[in-house]
C-alpha atoms as a PDB file:
ATOM      1  CA  MET A   1     104.036 131.337 111.904  1.00  0.00           C
ATOM      2  CA  THR A   2     103.383 134.669 110.261  1.00  0.00           C
ATOM      3  CA  ILE A   3     104.556 135.692 106.811  1.00  0.00           C
ATOM      4  CA  ASP A   4     106.871 138.280 108.399  1.00  0.00           C
ATOM      5  CA  GLU A   5     108.451 135.594 110.592  1.00  0.00           C
ATOM      6  CA  ALA A   6     108.917 133.375 107.546  1.00  0.00           C
ATOM      7  CA  TRP A   7     110.619 136.199 105.634  1.00  0.00           C
ATOM      8  CA  GLY A   8     112.874 136.848 108.601  1.00  0.00           C
ATOM      9  CA  ILE A   9     114.014 133.217 108.536  1.00  0.00           C
ATOM     10  CA  LEU A  10     114.495 133.206 104.755  1.00  0.00           C
ATOM     11  CA  LEU A  11     116.476 136.455 104.720  1.00  0.00           C
ATOM     12  CA  LYS A  12     118.605 135.280 107.655  1.00  0.00           C
ATOM     13  CA  HIS A  13     119.570 132.258 105.531  1.00  0.00           C
ATOM     14  CA  ASP A  14     120.352 134.446 102.476  1.00  0.00           C
ATOM     15  CA  PHE A  15     117.242 133.590 100.444  1.00  0.00           C
ATOM     16  CA  LYS A  16     116.022 136.471  98.290  1.00  0.00           C
ATOM     17  CA  ARG A  17     112.523 137.904  98.444  1.00  0.00           C
ATOM     18  CA  THR A  18     110.970 136.728  95.183  1.00  0.00           C
ATOM     19  CA  LYS A  19     107.493 136.897  93.673  1.00  0.00           C
ATOM     20  CA  ASN A  20     107.205 133.087  93.712  1.00  0.00           C
ATOM     21  CA  ARG A  21     108.105 132.825  97.399  1.00  0.00           C
ATOM     22  CA  GLU A  22     105.705 135.640  98.198  1.00  0.00           C
ATOM     23  CA  ILE A  23     102.871 133.820  96.401  1.00  0.00           C
ATOM     24  CA  LEU A  24     103.689 130.527  98.132  1.00  0.00           C
ATOM     25  CA  LEU A  25     103.863 132.061 101.602  1.00  0.00           C
ATOM     26  CA  ASN A  26     100.579 133.907 101.038  1.00  0.00           C
ATOM     27  CA  PHE A  27      98.955 130.667  99.937  1.00  0.00           C
ATOM     28  CA  PHE A  28     100.084 128.807 103.063  1.00  0.00           C
ATOM     29  CA  ASP A  29      99.087 131.707 105.282  1.00  0.00           C
ATOM     30  CA  GLN A  30      95.532 131.329 103.984  1.00  0.00           C
ATOM     31  CA  ALA A  31      95.405 127.520 103.635  1.00  0.00           C
ATOM     32  CA  ASP A  32      95.630 126.507 107.332  1.00  0.00           C
ATOM     33  CA  ARG A  33      95.640 122.808 106.416  1.00  0.00           C
ATOM     34  CA  TYR A  34      97.957 120.197 104.955  1.00  0.00           C
ATOM     35  CA  VAL A  35      98.192 120.312 101.148  1.00  0.00           C
ATOM     36  CA  THR A  36     100.116 118.437  98.491  1.00  0.00           C
ATOM     37  CA  ALA A  37     102.578 120.118  96.147  1.00  0.00           C
ATOM     38  CA  MET A  38     100.083 119.559  93.308  1.00  0.00           C
ATOM     39  CA  GLU A  39      97.350 121.360  95.268  1.00  0.00           C
ATOM     40  CA  VAL A  40      99.770 124.237  95.796  1.00  0.00           C
ATOM     41  CA  ARG A  41     100.532 124.365  92.076  1.00  0.00           C
ATOM     42  CA  THR A  42      96.858 124.393  91.117  1.00  0.00           C
ATOM     43  CA  ALA A  43      96.140 127.227  93.548  1.00  0.00           C
ATOM     44  CA  VAL A  44      99.131 129.458  92.767  1.00  0.00           C
ATOM     45  CA  GLU A  45      99.016 129.079  88.973  1.00  0.00           C
ATOM     46  CA  LYS A  46      96.121 131.553  88.969  1.00  0.00           C
ATOM     47  CA  ASP A  47      98.351 134.344  90.324  1.00  0.00           C
ATOM     48  CA  ASN A  48     101.492 133.219  88.507  1.00  0.00           C
ATOM     49  CA  PRO A  49     100.742 131.109  85.398  1.00  0.00           C
ATOM     50  CA  GLY A  50     104.428 130.655  84.571  1.00  0.00           C
ATOM     51  CA  ILE A  51     105.462 129.090  87.875  1.00  0.00           C
ATOM     52  CA  SER A  52     106.982 125.658  87.367  1.00  0.00           C
ATOM     53  CA  PHE A  53     106.363 122.601  89.493  1.00  0.00           C
ATOM     54  CA  ASP A  54     110.129 122.368  90.087  1.00  0.00           C
ATOM     55  CA  THR A  55     110.169 125.912  91.504  1.00  0.00           C
ATOM     56  CA  ILE A  56     107.259 125.117  93.782  1.00  0.00           C
ATOM     57  CA  TYR A  57     108.772 121.848  94.999  1.00  0.00           C
ATOM     58  CA  ARG A  58     112.234 123.367  95.576  1.00  0.00           C
ATOM     59  CA  ASN A  59     110.725 126.183  97.645  1.00  0.00           C
ATOM     60  CA  LEU A  60     108.554 123.769  99.630  1.00  0.00           C
ATOM     61  CA  ALA A  61     111.675 121.761 100.468  1.00  0.00           C
ATOM     62  CA  VAL A  62     113.507 124.931 101.579  1.00  0.00           C
ATOM     63  CA  PHE A  63     110.544 126.125 103.654  1.00  0.00           C
ATOM     64  CA  SER A  64     110.299 122.711 105.290  1.00  0.00           C
ATOM     65  CA  ARG A  65     114.041 122.479 106.005  1.00  0.00           C
ATOM     66  CA  LEU A  66     113.947 125.940 107.641  1.00  0.00           C
ATOM     67  CA  ASP A  67     110.882 124.987 109.743  1.00  0.00           C
ATOM     68  CA  ILE A  68     108.643 127.517 108.011  1.00  0.00           C
ATOM     69  CA  LEU A  69     106.413 124.686 106.854  1.00  0.00           C
ATOM     70  CA  ASP A  70     105.504 121.558 108.736  1.00  0.00           C
ATOM     71  CA  GLU A  71     105.697 118.427 106.607  1.00  0.00           C
ATOM     72  CA  THR A  72     104.105 115.029 106.874  1.00  0.00           C
ATOM     73  CA  GLU A  73     103.734 112.024 104.606  1.00  0.00           C
ATOM     74  CA  LEU A  74     100.493 110.267 103.846  1.00  0.00           C
ATOM     75  CA  ASN A  75     100.106 107.393 101.390  1.00  0.00           C
ATOM     76  CA  GLY A  76     103.603 108.044 100.046  1.00  0.00           C
ATOM     77  CA  GLU A  77     102.939 111.714  99.298  1.00  0.00           C
ATOM     78  CA  ARG A  78     104.435 114.709 101.073  1.00  0.00           C
ATOM     79  CA  LEU A  79     101.989 117.236 102.521  1.00  0.00           C
ATOM     80  CA  PHE A  80     102.804 120.707 103.819  1.00  0.00           C
ATOM     81  CA  ARG A  81     101.270 123.385 106.017  1.00  0.00           C
ATOM     82  CA  MET A  82     102.461 126.561 107.688  1.00  0.00           C
ATOM     83  CA  GLN A  83     104.120 125.935 111.068  1.00  0.00           C
ATOM     84  CA  CYS A  84     101.796 126.509 113.994  1.00  0.00           C
ATOM     85  CA  ALA A  85     101.944 129.918 115.601  1.00  0.00           C
ATOM     86  CA  THR A  86     102.071 128.458 119.086  1.00  0.00           C
ATOM     87  CA  ASP A  87     105.130 128.134 121.289  1.00  0.00           C
ATOM     88  CA  HIS A  88     103.959 125.075 123.225  1.00  0.00           C
ATOM     89  CA  HIS A  89     104.717 121.524 122.186  1.00  0.00           C
ATOM     90  CA  HIS A  90     101.763 119.711 120.634  1.00  0.00           C
ATOM     91  CA  HIS A  91     100.722 117.247 117.950  1.00  0.00           C
ATOM     92  CA  HIS A  92      97.910 117.006 115.388  1.00  0.00           C
ATOM     93  CA  PHE A  93      94.991 114.991 114.148  1.00  0.00           C
ATOM     94  CA  ILE A  94      95.058 115.231 110.326  1.00  0.00           C
ATOM     95  CA  CYS A  95      91.957 114.606 108.233  1.00  0.00           C
ATOM     96  CA  THR A  96      92.899 112.298 105.360  1.00  0.00           C
ATOM     97  CA  THR A  97      90.055 113.670 103.221  1.00  0.00           C
ATOM     98  CA  CYS A  98      90.300 117.464 103.515  1.00  0.00           C
ATOM     99  CA  GLY A  99      93.712 117.970 105.185  1.00  0.00           C
ATOM    100  CA  ASN A 100      92.326 120.006 108.085  1.00  0.00           C
ATOM    101  CA  THR A 101      94.054 119.581 111.409  1.00  0.00           C
ATOM    102  CA  LYS A 102      93.153 119.663 115.077  1.00  0.00           C
ATOM    103  CA  SER A 103      95.709 120.189 117.804  1.00  0.00           C
ATOM    104  CA  ILE A 104      96.268 117.442 120.349  1.00  0.00           C
ATOM    105  CA  PRO A 105      97.187 119.341 123.516  1.00  0.00           C
ATOM    106  CA  ASN A 106      99.001 116.597 125.427  1.00  0.00           C
ATOM    107  CA  CYS A 107     101.957 114.585 124.233  1.00  0.00           C
ATOM    108  CA  PRO A 108     101.930 110.770 124.341  1.00  0.00           C
ATOM    109  CA  MET A 109     105.698 110.848 124.926  1.00  0.00           C
ATOM    110  CA  ASP A 110     105.110 112.250 128.385  1.00  0.00           C
ATOM    111  CA  ASP A 111     103.222 109.214 129.651  1.00  0.00           C
ATOM    112  CA  SER A 112     104.403 106.108 127.885  1.00  0.00           C
ATOM    113  CA  VAL A 113     107.381 106.212 125.549  1.00  0.00           C
ATOM    114  CA  ALA A 114     109.658 108.373 127.693  1.00  0.00           C
ATOM    115  CA  VAL A 115     109.363 105.934 130.600  1.00  0.00           C
ATOM    116  CA  ASN A 116     110.468 103.030 128.421  1.00  0.00           C
ATOM    117  CA  LEU A 117     113.393 105.025 127.028  1.00  0.00           C
ATOM    118  CA  SER A 118     114.585 106.660 130.244  1.00  0.00           C
ATOM    119  CA  GLU A 119     118.225 105.730 129.576  1.00  0.00           C
ATOM    120  CA  TYR A 120     118.131 107.063 125.995  1.00  0.00           C
ATOM    121  CA  GLU A 121     118.739 110.577 124.749  1.00  0.00           C
ATOM    122  CA  ILE A 122     115.782 111.653 122.626  1.00  0.00           C
ATOM    123  CA  ASP A 123     116.501 114.360 120.034  1.00  0.00           C
ATOM    124  CA  GLY A 124     112.947 114.795 118.806  1.00  0.00           C
ATOM    125  CA  HIS A 125     109.735 113.079 117.845  1.00  0.00           C
ATOM    126  CA  LYS A 126     106.594 113.452 115.793  1.00  0.00           C
ATOM    127  CA  PHE A 127     103.175 112.064 116.621  1.00  0.00           C
ATOM    128  CA  GLU A 128     100.212 112.353 114.250  1.00  0.00           C
ATOM    129  CA  ILE A 129      96.788 110.783 114.165  1.00  0.00           C
ATOM    130  CA  TYR A 130      95.109 110.258 110.796  1.00  0.00           C
ATOM    131  CA  GLY A 131      91.413 109.833 110.086  1.00  0.00           C
ATOM    132  CA  ARG A 132      88.389 111.808 108.947  1.00  0.00           C
ATOM    133  CA  CYS A 133      87.068 114.945 110.595  1.00  0.00           C
ATOM    134  CA  PRO A 134      83.372 115.273 111.577  1.00  0.00           C
ATOM    135  CA  LYS A 135      82.622 117.398 108.482  1.00  0.00           C
ATOM    136  CA  CYS A 136      84.084 114.808 106.095  1.00  0.00           C
ATOM    137  CA  ILE A 137      82.312 111.953 107.903  1.00  0.00           C
ATOM    138  CA  LYS A 138      78.945 113.690 107.336  1.00  0.00           C
ATOM    139  CA  GLU A 139      79.672 114.179 103.640  1.00  0.00           C
END
């Protein structure tokens, strides 16, 4: 997702264009990995020392609810990243050390789960693999 697409979604839902949202969206545009709210705060405090953790967390929740950010949970903590810019359905491997991701091109639902639930109506699903990336393994 681009910053312009994110602003289009926010404005469509009557959210104002603010300095804090601009800083947050710019951060996620550059991050390209999953990050915690605390990591966001540490990074954006440099550009906006007065930004509160509550403001950050509220905006992350809004961005997630509007599908601007993708959200996952790891070890009881919420992590966020900008939604992928691709139109095709896919899943991710997420490095538990650095937060980097790798796309998984095929969906496990296609082969196994959907067959076992053929009489059910599926509204959605999420499939993630957690581990360490090659870079983090070497370190």
